[in-house]
Amino acid sequence: MKKIYLLGVIPPLLNIVGAVFSRSAEPYVFGVPSTLAWVVGCVLVTSIVMQTIYVLDRRSSEPGCTNNDRNKEAQ
């Protein structure tokens, strides 16, 4: 497994940790409850992390390499 794939652990950890710390609905962030703001922020961070993994993964940028080729390499 490539070390770059460990970045994929960040979004689930943010969701778990954030749910514990943003339980109250009283403080508002940008007009929405803090828990909803945290979830929206986690979705944005997840998109950024997944895009980073995609860009840094060299196999995804090889011309002519299909998903079937990658699956055969993994087996």
Protein backbone atom coordinates (compact mmCIF):
# COMPACT_ATOMS: atom_id res chain seq x y z
CA MET A 1 0.00 0.00 0.00
CA LYS A 2 1.27 3.44 -0.86
CA LYS A 3 1.76 5.91 1.97
CA ILE A 4 -0.25 8.50 0.09
CA TYR A 5 -3.38 6.42 0.67
CA LEU A 6 -3.04 7.05 4.39
CA LEU A 7 -4.37 10.54 3.70
CA GLY A 8 -7.72 8.81 3.22
CA VAL A 9 -7.86 8.25 6.98
CA ILE A 10 -8.15 11.99 7.67
CA PRO A 11 -11.81 12.54 6.60
CA PRO A 12 -13.34 9.75 8.73
CA LEU A 13 -11.32 10.89 11.73
CA LEU A 14 -12.54 14.46 11.24
CA ASN A 15 -16.14 13.26 11.18
CA ILE A 16 -15.75 11.16 14.33
CA VAL A 17 -13.81 13.74 16.34
CA GLY A 18 -16.00 16.61 15.17
CA ALA A 19 -19.20 14.85 16.14
CA VAL A 20 -17.94 14.57 19.69
CA PHE A 21 -16.94 18.23 20.02
CA SER A 22 -19.75 19.95 18.13
CA ARG A 23 -22.81 18.45 19.79
CA SER A 24 -24.62 21.63 20.70
CA ALA A 25 -26.90 23.37 18.23
CA GLU A 26 -26.72 26.76 19.88
CA PRO A 27 -23.56 28.38 18.48
CA TYR A 28 -24.12 29.28 14.84
CA VAL A 29 -21.45 29.33 12.14
CA PHE A 30 -22.40 31.21 8.95
CA GLY A 31 -26.05 31.03 10.02
CA VAL A 32 -26.23 27.25 10.49
CA PRO A 33 -25.81 25.11 13.60
CA SER A 34 -22.22 24.19 14.41
CA THR A 35 -22.76 20.47 13.78
CA LEU A 36 -24.06 21.10 10.27
CA ALA A 37 -21.20 23.52 9.59
CA TRP A 38 -18.76 20.84 10.76
CA VAL A 39 -20.28 18.20 8.46
CA VAL A 40 -20.19 20.57 5.47
CA GLY A 41 -16.57 21.39 6.29
CA CYS A 42 -15.74 17.69 6.46
CA VAL A 43 -17.31 17.14 3.04
CA LEU A 44 -15.14 19.90 1.62
CA VAL A 45 -12.00 18.52 3.30
CA THR A 46 -12.85 15.04 2.01
CA SER A 47 -13.07 16.37 -1.54
CA ILE A 48 -9.72 18.12 -1.20
CA VAL A 49 -8.00 15.07 0.29
CA MET A 50 -9.37 12.72 -2.36
CA GLN A 51 -8.30 15.10 -5.13
CA THR A 52 -4.82 15.28 -3.59
CA ILE A 53 -4.58 11.49 -3.49
CA TYR A 54 -5.70 11.31 -7.12
CA VAL A 55 -3.15 13.89 -8.27
CA LEU A 56 -0.27 12.40 -6.30
CA ASP A 57 -1.00 8.85 -7.36
CA ARG A 58 1.29 8.41 -10.34
CA ARG A 59 -0.65 5.53 -11.84
CA SER A 60 -3.70 7.71 -12.36
CA SER A 61 -1.72 10.00 -14.66
CA GLU A 62 -0.16 7.28 -16.82
CA PRO A 63 -1.48 7.57 -20.37
CA GLY A 64 -3.26 4.49 -21.62
CA CYS A 65 -3.53 2.85 -18.21
CA THR A 66 -7.07 1.69 -17.50
CA ASN A 67 -8.70 0.47 -14.32
CA ASN A 68 -8.54 -3.10 -15.62
CA ASP A 69 -4.75 -2.79 -15.99
CA ARG A 70 -4.47 -1.57 -12.40
CA ASN A 71 -6.65 -4.40 -11.10
CA LYS A 72 -4.44 -6.97 -12.82
CA GLU A 73 -1.34 -5.40 -11.28
CA ALA A 74 -2.85 -5.55 -7.80
CA GLN A 75 -3.60 -9.28 -8.02
